[in-house]
Amino acid sequence: MAWGTDLLLAKPDVRGRSSVSRAKLIYINIDGFSYSYLDLLRRMGRSAELDELISEALLLENLSSGLISITNPMQGAILAGAWSDRTQNIYQHYDPDSGEVVKHRRTLAAENVGQLFHRHGDTVVSIHQFMLAGNPCEYGDKNATYVTVPRQPSNAFDRLQLLEDLLRRNTVLSGETSITYPELPDFIAVYIDDIDSLGHNNDYENYPRRRLFAERQLDIAERLQLILRRILELYRLSRSGKDGARIIWLITTDHGMTPFYGKSSLPLLIKELDAAGLTCRLPEERCAGTLLVALPYTIELALYPTRALTAEESRRIMAICAAQPYVRKVFTRQEMLTEYHMDPRGPEFLLCPTYGEHFYKRDAEPGFFAASHDSCDATSQHIFGLLLGDQVRKGTFQAPVSAIDLMPTILKHAFDYTLSDSVGKVFEGFFC
């Protein structure tokens, strides 16, 4: 149906609600899970586990990522239900006064879901969800716990084993502290990055780097099926326990993945701007007379003026950029501020290239494809999202939903909680 130190922790019910009726939230983020992978799994005959999960879930058919669709900014946006004007993370920005590129790393200035639960006296556990590390989750903190696999590097199956340990009430190791939860924590966040690593066409475990995009898609389908099989096992396990009817599962992602090839379009664009008397340089090459600083992400390109632009200069820059055959979309500063709620430290213009092109600072290696997700293409922007639980409607939700709408909707309907800095919509139709 379609719808728009050894610690044994027993937590008192500080909210005054019966612990039997209180909802629990398990949030699994599979980094790089493009919605296009649903079709991929089905084409490859690897969708049995996915289809079984979908049969018991609400599938969000039109869930979108955001601007900039890079891991840390989007992981923070989901957890805060807010965009970068509140999270203060767009991955990086250029400071024209200092001439420095400032990396935002794990900045998350807005209240996040872990902090919200913690504020209400609830128990929070983060399994490798790094945006919650120190915010509020710490190693050895029995109420807001950060848990990582002792052996590194770790993969999805190592991390999901920690989730199984929590479901079975087994002891988990948080730093050097052993913790046992007699009651399932109220909020568990799990971060998985296998699919993102494969999507970027990195060497990953037994999967070598591939020359062809189609070859890598086979790898992604194989690994994703195994991950979903493990999640399905854990979902079944949770249903067999006393908490089964109370647990809400959110399985989603931060962004998808878009391939690109060959030579970078960055030198071509700089040449066009220079020829028009609009001198453009990379940050490390800025000199006297530089009007625009070009700051590449991987696929997209940000342009920062070194001084206030005149209306005519802005018009000419926009016209030149938009006229290039390798440019798909030019976002203006005003558009980014008003429609995408971008951090005001963001650029004057953001250029998204056509599919397969890129503005990276170096060319893709000959004979190999590359891939990233800072793109306005649907392969990056259209993302996977699934809700499971007795309270959740079964079927598909077809209305457009943004990544920042997920947590505000779940929190309001299942917990009557509100994130302090959230601007995400609260949808009707997710829950019965």
Protein backbone atom coordinates (compact mmCIF):
# COMPACT_ATOMS: atom_id res chain seq x y z
CA MET A 1 0.00 0.00 0.00
CA ALA A 2 1.31 3.46 -0.88
CA TRP A 3 1.19 6.25 1.70
CA GLY A 4 2.22 9.76 0.99
CA THR A 5 34.76 -0.96 33.99
CA ASP A 6 32.50 -3.82 34.45
CA LEU A 7 29.18 -2.16 34.58
CA LEU A 8 25.77 -3.72 34.90
CA LEU A 9 23.36 -1.01 33.86
CA ALA A 10 19.74 -1.01 34.93
CA LYS A 11 18.18 2.33 33.98
CA PRO A 12 15.24 3.75 35.94
CA ASP A 13 12.28 5.03 33.96
CA VAL A 14 13.05 8.71 34.38
CA ARG A 15 10.28 9.76 32.02
CA GLY A 16 7.59 8.22 34.15
CA ARG A 17 6.44 5.91 31.35
CA SER A 18 6.29 2.17 31.74
CA SER A 19 9.51 0.56 30.53
CA VAL A 20 7.33 -2.13 28.94
CA SER A 21 5.64 0.35 26.60
CA ARG A 22 8.58 2.61 25.82
CA ALA A 23 9.72 2.56 22.19
CA LYS A 24 13.31 1.85 21.22
CA LEU A 25 15.12 3.09 18.12
CA ILE A 26 17.80 1.22 16.18
CA TYR A 27 19.34 3.39 13.47
CA ILE A 28 21.62 1.74 10.90
CA ASN A 29 23.36 3.98 8.40
CA ILE A 30 24.85 2.10 5.43
CA ASP A 31 27.08 4.80 3.97
CA GLY A 32 26.77 5.17 0.20
CA PHE A 33 23.51 3.20 -0.28
CA SER A 34 22.14 4.72 -3.47
CA TYR A 35 18.48 4.00 -4.17
CA SER A 36 19.68 2.76 -7.55
CA TYR A 37 21.10 -0.27 -5.75
CA LEU A 38 17.56 -1.60 -5.25
CA ASP A 39 17.28 -2.09 -9.00
CA LEU A 40 20.86 -3.39 -9.08
CA LEU A 41 20.11 -6.10 -6.51
CA ARG A 42 16.97 -7.13 -8.35
CA ARG A 43 18.72 -7.26 -11.73
CA MET A 44 21.47 -9.40 -10.22
CA GLY A 45 19.04 -11.77 -8.52
CA ARG A 46 20.34 -10.74 -5.10
CA SER A 47 17.27 -9.03 -3.66
CA ALA A 48 15.65 -11.81 -1.57
CA GLU A 49 16.71 -10.35 1.78
CA LEU A 50 15.93 -6.81 0.72
CA ASP A 51 12.50 -7.80 -0.56
CA GLU A 52 11.71 -9.62 2.68
CA LEU A 53 12.64 -6.54 4.70
CA ILE A 54 10.58 -4.32 2.39
CA SER A 55 7.55 -6.63 2.77
CA GLU A 56 7.46 -5.80 6.48
CA ALA A 57 8.44 -2.15 6.19
CA LEU A 58 7.67 1.31 4.94
CA LEU A 59 9.90 1.98 1.95
CA LEU A 60 10.60 5.66 1.28
CA GLU A 61 10.56 5.83 -2.50
CA ASN A 62 11.55 9.48 -2.87
CA LEU A 63 14.12 10.08 -0.14
CA SER A 64 16.83 12.58 -0.99
CA SER A 65 20.25 13.55 0.34
CA GLY A 66 21.29 17.21 0.45
CA LEU A 67 23.89 19.86 -0.22
CA ILE A 68 26.78 19.09 0.19
CA SER A 69 26.20 15.34 -0.16
CA ILE A 70 29.42 14.32 1.59
CA THR A 71 29.60 11.87 4.49
CA ASN A 72 30.26 14.03 7.56
CA PRO A 73 27.89 16.87 6.66
CA MET A 74 25.08 14.47 5.78
CA GLN A 75 25.63 12.14 8.74
CA GLY A 76 25.33 15.20 10.97
CA ALA A 77 22.30 16.53 9.09
CA ILE A 78 20.39 13.28 9.58
CA LEU A 79 21.22 13.11 13.28
CA ALA A 80 20.26 16.75 13.86
CA GLY A 81 17.32 16.99 11.47
CA ALA A 82 18.89 20.19 10.21
CA TRP A 83 21.02 21.57 7.40
CA SER A 84 24.46 23.11 7.52
CA ASP A 85 23.33 26.58 8.57
CA ARG A 86 22.69 24.90 11.94
CA THR A 87 25.13 21.97 11.94
CA GLN A 88 27.95 24.23 10.67
CA ASN A 89 29.39 21.48 8.50
CA ILE A 90 29.73 21.65 4.73
CA TYR A 91 32.95 19.60 4.76
CA GLN A 92 35.17 22.60 4.03
CA HIS A 93 35.18 26.27 3.10
CA TYR A 94 37.65 28.83 1.83
CA ASP A 95 38.40 31.81 4.08
CA PRO A 96 39.30 34.67 1.72
CA ASP A 97 40.75 36.76 4.55
CA SER A 98 43.25 34.18 5.79
CA GLY A 99 43.62 32.45 2.45
CA GLU A 100 43.12 29.10 4.20
CA VAL A 101 40.92 26.12 3.41
CA VAL A 102 39.10 25.24 6.63
CA LYS A 103 38.08 21.59 7.09
CA HIS A 104 34.93 20.99 9.16
CA ARG A 105 35.71 17.36 10.02
CA ARG A 106 33.23 16.10 12.66
CA THR A 107 31.67 19.43 13.56
CA LEU A 108 28.03 19.05 14.56
CA ALA A 109 26.88 22.25 16.23
CA ALA A 110 23.16 21.39 16.33
CA GLU A 111 21.58 19.09 18.91
CA ASN A 112 21.69 15.50 17.68
CA VAL A 113 19.50 12.49 18.40
CA GLY A 114 21.98 11.01 20.87
CA GLN A 115 22.07 14.23 22.88
CA LEU A 116 18.27 14.42 22.81
CA PHE A 117 17.83 10.91 24.22
CA HIS A 118 20.59 11.53 26.75
CA ARG A 119 18.90 14.78 27.81
CA HIS A 120 15.74 12.80 28.56
CA GLY A 121 17.65 10.32 30.71
CA ASP A 122 17.61 7.58 28.08
CA THR A 123 20.42 5.17 27.30
CA VAL A 124 22.38 5.79 24.11
CA VAL A 125 24.88 3.48 22.37
CA SER A 126 26.87 4.39 19.28
CA ILE A 127 28.51 1.58 17.32
CA HIS A 128 31.08 3.35 15.14
CA GLN A 129 28.66 6.27 14.51
CA PHE A 130 31.54 8.72 14.66
CA MET A 131 29.40 11.87 14.60
CA LEU A 132 28.19 10.87 18.08
CA ALA A 133 31.73 10.29 19.40
CA GLY A 134 32.18 12.73 22.26
CA ASN A 135 28.81 14.15 21.34
CA PRO A 136 27.49 12.69 23.69
CA CYS A 137 28.93 9.15 23.47
CA GLU A 138 32.18 8.34 25.25
CA TYR A 139 34.15 5.18 25.88
CA GLY A 140 33.19 3.79 29.27
CA ASP A 141 30.17 6.03 29.81
CA LYS A 142 27.39 3.66 30.76
CA ASN A 143 24.60 6.08 29.79
CA ALA A 144 26.02 7.36 26.49
CA THR A 145 28.39 4.69 25.26
CA TYR A 146 30.75 4.65 22.30
CA VAL A 147 31.53 1.12 21.15
CA THR A 148 34.00 0.11 18.47
CA VAL A 149 35.31 -3.23 17.25
CA PRO A 150 38.61 -3.95 19.06
CA ARG A 151 40.17 -5.19 15.83
CA GLN A 152 40.67 -2.55 13.19
CA PRO A 153 39.92 -2.13 10.42
CA SER A 154 36.42 -3.47 10.96
CA ASN A 155 33.57 -4.16 8.59
CA ALA A 156 29.79 -4.36 8.63
CA PHE A 157 29.71 -7.86 10.06
CA ASP A 158 32.00 -6.97 12.97
CA ARG A 159 29.84 -3.97 13.81
CA LEU A 160 26.56 -5.82 13.40
CA GLN A 161 27.89 -8.49 15.76
CA LEU A 162 28.06 -5.75 18.41
CA LEU A 163 24.43 -4.99 17.69
CA GLU A 164 23.61 -8.67 18.15
CA ASP A 165 25.46 -8.62 21.48
CA LEU A 166 23.21 -5.78 22.63
CA LEU A 167 20.07 -7.56 21.42
CA ARG A 168 21.14 -10.71 23.31
CA ARG A 169 22.12 -8.68 26.42
CA ASN A 170 25.72 -9.83 26.06
CA THR A 171 28.52 -7.73 27.50
CA VAL A 172 30.10 -5.23 25.11
CA LEU A 173 33.49 -3.58 25.43
CA SER A 174 33.57 0.21 25.39
CA GLY A 175 37.21 1.19 25.33
CA GLU A 176 38.56 -0.76 28.32
CA THR A 177 35.18 -0.93 30.10
CA SER A 178 32.83 -3.91 29.91
CA ILE A 179 29.16 -2.97 29.99
CA THR A 180 26.08 -5.17 30.15
CA TYR A 181 22.61 -3.79 29.46
CA PRO A 182 19.84 -5.86 31.09
CA GLU A 183 17.42 -3.69 29.13
CA LEU A 184 17.96 -2.83 25.48
CA PRO A 185 19.33 0.73 25.16
CA ASP A 186 16.77 3.31 24.08
CA PHE A 187 18.75 4.48 21.07
CA ILE A 188 21.37 2.47 19.19
CA ALA A 189 23.18 3.95 16.19
CA VAL A 190 25.26 1.74 13.88
CA TYR A 191 27.50 3.09 11.13
CA ILE A 192 28.61 0.85 8.24
CA ASP A 193 30.97 1.95 5.47
CA ASP A 194 31.64 -1.17 3.36
CA ILE A 195 29.40 -0.03 0.49
CA ASP A 196 30.89 3.47 0.45
CA SER A 197 34.41 2.07 0.21
CA LEU A 198 33.41 -0.22 -2.63
CA GLY A 199 31.49 2.57 -4.34
CA HIS A 200 34.58 4.76 -4.38
CA ASN A 201 36.34 1.92 -6.22
CA ASN A 202 38.92 1.43 -3.49
CA ASP A 203 40.76 -1.80 -2.82
CA TYR A 204 38.61 -3.28 -0.07
CA GLU A 205 39.22 -6.61 1.65
CA ASN A 206 38.95 -9.32 -1.01
CA TYR A 207 37.56 -6.88 -3.59
CA PRO A 208 40.30 -5.38 -5.79
CA ARG A 209 39.95 -2.03 -7.46
CA ARG A 210 38.07 -2.43 -10.72
CA ARG A 211 38.62 -0.93 -14.12
CA LEU A 212 34.97 -1.07 -15.15
CA PHE A 213 31.99 0.39 -13.32
CA ALA A 214 29.94 -2.72 -14.17
CA GLU A 215 32.53 -4.92 -12.44
CA ARG A 216 32.30 -2.85 -9.27
CA GLN A 217 28.52 -3.01 -9.33
CA LEU A 218 28.78 -6.79 -9.10
CA ASP A 219 30.94 -6.37 -5.99
CA ILE A 220 28.50 -3.90 -4.46
CA ALA A 221 25.53 -6.18 -5.10
CA GLU A 222 27.30 -9.15 -3.52
CA ARG A 223 28.39 -7.26 -0.41
CA LEU A 224 25.13 -5.41 0.03
CA GLN A 225 23.14 -8.64 -0.13
CA LEU A 226 25.34 -10.12 2.62
CA ILE A 227 24.90 -7.02 4.79
CA LEU A 228 21.13 -7.04 4.32
CA ARG A 229 21.05 -10.77 5.08
CA ARG A 230 22.77 -10.08 8.40
CA ILE A 231 20.41 -7.19 9.19
CA LEU A 232 17.44 -9.42 8.40
CA GLU A 233 18.79 -12.03 10.83
CA LEU A 234 19.07 -9.39 13.54
CA TYR A 235 15.61 -8.05 12.80
CA ARG A 236 14.19 -11.55 13.18
CA LEU A 237 16.17 -11.99 16.40
CA SER A 238 14.74 -8.76 17.79
CA ARG A 239 11.20 -9.83 16.89
CA SER A 240 11.62 -13.04 18.89
CA GLY A 241 12.55 -11.17 22.07
CA LYS A 242 10.48 -9.27 24.60
CA ASP A 243 11.35 -5.94 22.97
CA GLY A 244 10.28 -6.95 19.48
CA ALA A 245 7.06 -4.98 19.36
CA ARG A 246 8.71 -1.85 20.75
CA ILE A 247 11.68 -1.51 18.43
CA ILE A 248 11.64 0.87 15.49
CA TRP A 249 14.33 0.23 12.90
CA LEU A 250 15.55 2.97 10.58
CA ILE A 251 17.87 1.74 7.83
CA THR A 252 19.11 4.51 5.60
CA THR A 253 22.18 6.29 4.26
CA ASP A 254 23.81 9.67 3.81
CA HIS A 255 24.28 9.75 0.05
CA GLY A 256 24.57 7.54 -3.00
CA MET A 257 27.47 7.28 -5.44
CA THR A 258 28.18 8.65 -8.93
CA PRO A 259 30.95 7.43 -11.27
CA PHE A 260 33.26 9.76 -13.15
CA TYR A 261 35.95 9.28 -15.74
CA GLY A 262 38.92 10.78 -17.49
CA LYS A 263 40.28 14.28 -17.35
CA SER A 264 39.10 16.89 -14.89
CA SER A 265 37.11 19.82 -16.25
CA LEU A 266 38.74 22.13 -13.71
CA PRO A 267 41.52 23.42 -16.00
CA LEU A 268 39.00 24.08 -18.77
CA LEU A 269 36.77 26.17 -16.54
CA ILE A 270 39.67 28.17 -15.12
CA LYS A 271 40.83 28.87 -18.67
CA GLU A 272 37.36 30.15 -19.68
CA LEU A 273 37.12 32.45 -16.67
CA ASP A 274 40.65 33.76 -17.14
CA ALA A 275 39.94 34.50 -20.79
CA ALA A 276 37.00 36.65 -19.71
CA GLY A 277 39.20 38.63 -17.34
CA LEU A 278 37.75 36.88 -14.29
CA THR A 279 41.01 35.53 -12.88
CA CYS A 280 40.46 32.18 -11.16
CA ARG A 281 43.04 30.18 -9.19
CA LEU A 282 43.24 27.25 -6.81
CA PRO A 283 43.73 28.25 -3.13
CA GLU A 284 47.43 27.41 -3.15
CA GLU A 285 47.93 29.40 -6.38
CA ARG A 286 46.12 32.59 -5.38
CA CYS A 287 48.05 35.71 -6.36
CA ALA A 288 47.53 39.44 -6.73
CA GLY A 289 44.64 40.01 -9.09
CA THR A 290 42.86 36.74 -8.31
CA LEU A 291 39.12 37.35 -8.32
CA LEU A 292 37.86 33.79 -7.82
CA VAL A 293 39.28 30.92 -5.81
CA ALA A 294 38.29 27.49 -7.12
CA LEU A 295 37.88 24.94 -4.32
CA PRO A 296 37.19 21.42 -5.65
CA TYR A 297 35.39 18.79 -3.67
CA THR A 298 35.68 15.57 -5.71
CA ILE A 299 33.02 15.92 -8.38
CA GLU A 300 31.67 19.40 -7.68
CA LEU A 301 33.47 22.74 -7.58
CA ALA A 302 32.98 25.72 -5.25
CA LEU A 303 33.88 29.24 -6.36
CA TYR A 304 34.75 31.87 -3.73
CA PRO A 305 35.33 35.55 -4.59
CA THR A 306 38.26 37.32 -2.95
CA ARG A 307 36.15 40.49 -2.68
CA ALA A 308 32.55 41.51 -3.14
CA LEU A 309 31.47 40.95 -6.73
CA THR A 310 29.60 43.52 -8.75
CA ALA A 311 26.26 42.52 -10.21
CA GLU A 312 27.81 42.46 -13.67
CA GLU A 313 30.69 40.23 -12.54
CA SER A 314 28.24 37.81 -10.95
CA ARG A 315 26.14 37.74 -14.10
CA ARG A 316 29.16 37.06 -16.30
CA ILE A 317 30.50 34.31 -14.03
CA MET A 318 27.11 32.63 -13.97
CA ALA A 319 26.75 32.88 -17.76
CA ILE A 320 30.23 31.50 -18.48
CA CYS A 321 29.87 28.58 -16.08
CA ALA A 322 26.37 27.66 -17.22
CA ALA A 323 27.41 27.72 -20.88
CA GLN A 324 30.05 25.00 -20.52
CA PRO A 325 28.99 21.59 -21.89
CA TYR A 326 30.44 19.80 -18.86
CA VAL A 327 28.35 21.85 -16.39
CA ARG A 328 24.94 20.49 -15.48
CA LYS A 329 23.87 22.96 -12.79
CA VAL A 330 25.18 26.16 -11.22
CA PHE A 331 23.92 26.86 -7.71
CA THR A 332 24.05 30.52 -6.69
CA ARG A 333 24.77 31.65 -3.16
CA GLN A 334 21.25 32.97 -2.69
CA GLU A 335 19.77 29.70 -3.87
CA MET A 336 22.00 27.70 -1.53
CA LEU A 337 21.14 29.92 1.44
CA THR A 338 17.39 30.06 0.91
CA GLU A 339 16.53 26.67 -0.61
CA TYR A 340 19.24 24.47 0.90
CA HIS A 341 19.90 26.32 4.17
CA MET A 342 23.62 26.22 3.61
CA ASP A 343 26.20 27.44 6.11
CA PRO A 344 26.85 31.11 5.17
CA ARG A 345 30.57 30.29 4.95
CA GLY A 346 29.71 28.44 1.76
CA PRO A 347 30.67 29.52 -1.76
CA GLU A 348 29.28 32.14 -4.10
CA PHE A 349 28.73 29.49 -6.78
CA LEU A 350 28.66 25.69 -6.69
CA LEU A 351 29.09 23.84 -9.96
CA CYS A 352 27.74 20.34 -10.49
CA PRO A 353 29.08 18.70 -13.66
CA THR A 354 27.21 16.48 -16.07
CA TYR A 355 27.14 12.75 -15.30
CA GLY A 356 30.58 11.20 -15.72
CA GLU A 357 32.45 14.52 -15.62
CA HIS A 358 34.27 15.96 -12.61
CA PHE A 359 36.17 18.95 -11.22
CA TYR A 360 38.64 16.97 -9.13
CA LYS A 361 42.12 18.47 -8.72
CA ARG A 362 43.60 15.62 -10.73
CA ASP A 363 42.46 13.41 -13.58
CA ALA A 364 40.99 9.98 -13.03
CA GLU A 365 43.63 7.32 -13.58
CA PRO A 366 43.63 6.10 -17.20
CA GLY A 367 41.91 2.76 -17.54
CA PHE A 368 39.97 3.07 -14.29
CA PHE A 369 36.73 4.73 -13.33
CA ALA A 370 36.46 6.75 -10.14
CA ALA A 371 33.40 7.62 -8.08
CA SER A 372 32.18 9.98 -5.41
CA HIS A 373 28.92 11.46 -4.18
CA ASP A 374 29.18 15.26 -4.09
CA SER A 375 26.86 15.41 -7.06
CA CYS A 376 23.37 16.60 -7.90
CA ASP A 377 22.85 13.47 -10.00
CA ALA A 378 20.13 11.10 -8.82
CA THR A 379 22.69 8.34 -8.28
CA SER A 380 24.01 10.43 -5.38
CA GLN A 381 20.89 12.34 -4.35
CA HIS A 382 18.23 9.60 -4.44
CA ILE A 383 18.95 7.48 -1.37
CA PHE A 384 17.67 4.38 0.38
CA GLY A 385 15.41 4.58 3.42
CA LEU A 386 13.37 1.91 5.22
CA LEU A 387 11.36 1.92 8.46
CA LEU A 388 10.43 -1.26 10.33
CA GLY A 389 8.38 -1.88 13.45
CA ASP A 390 4.90 -2.69 14.73
CA GLN A 391 4.01 1.02 14.85
CA VAL A 392 5.15 1.59 11.26
CA ARG A 393 2.79 1.50 8.29
CA LYS A 394 3.60 -1.18 5.74
CA GLY A 395 3.97 -0.30 2.08
CA THR A 396 5.59 2.57 0.23
CA PHE A 397 5.71 6.28 0.96
CA GLN A 398 5.80 8.11 -2.33
CA ALA A 399 5.91 11.77 -1.31
CA PRO A 400 9.31 13.52 -1.46
CA VAL A 401 11.16 13.22 1.85
CA SER A 402 14.47 14.82 2.78
CA ALA A 403 17.14 13.12 4.87
CA ILE A 404 16.62 15.74 7.59
CA ASP A 405 12.94 14.78 7.89
CA LEU A 406 13.57 11.23 9.08
CA MET A 407 14.53 11.74 12.71
CA PRO A 408 12.05 14.58 13.45
CA THR A 409 9.19 12.41 12.17
CA ILE A 410 10.23 9.28 14.09
CA LEU A 411 10.99 11.17 17.28
CA LYS A 412 7.71 13.08 17.29
CA HIS A 413 5.41 10.17 16.58
CA ALA A 414 7.16 7.41 18.55
CA PHE A 415 8.66 9.36 21.48
CA ASP A 416 7.04 12.81 21.48
CA TYR A 417 10.56 14.27 21.34
CA THR A 418 11.75 17.30 19.38
CA LEU A 419 15.31 18.11 18.38
CA SER A 420 16.16 21.64 19.53
CA ASP A 421 17.65 22.81 16.23
CA SER A 422 15.66 20.74 13.77
CA VAL A 423 14.07 22.26 10.69
CA GLY A 424 13.02 18.91 9.25
CA LYS A 425 9.38 18.24 8.44
CA VAL A 426 7.27 15.93 10.59
CA PHE A 427 5.35 13.69 8.21
CA GLU A 428 2.04 11.96 8.76
CA GLY A 429 1.80 8.54 7.17
CA PHE A 430 4.95 6.91 8.54
CA PHE A 431 3.17 5.38 11.52
CA CYS A 432 -0.14 3.60 12.12
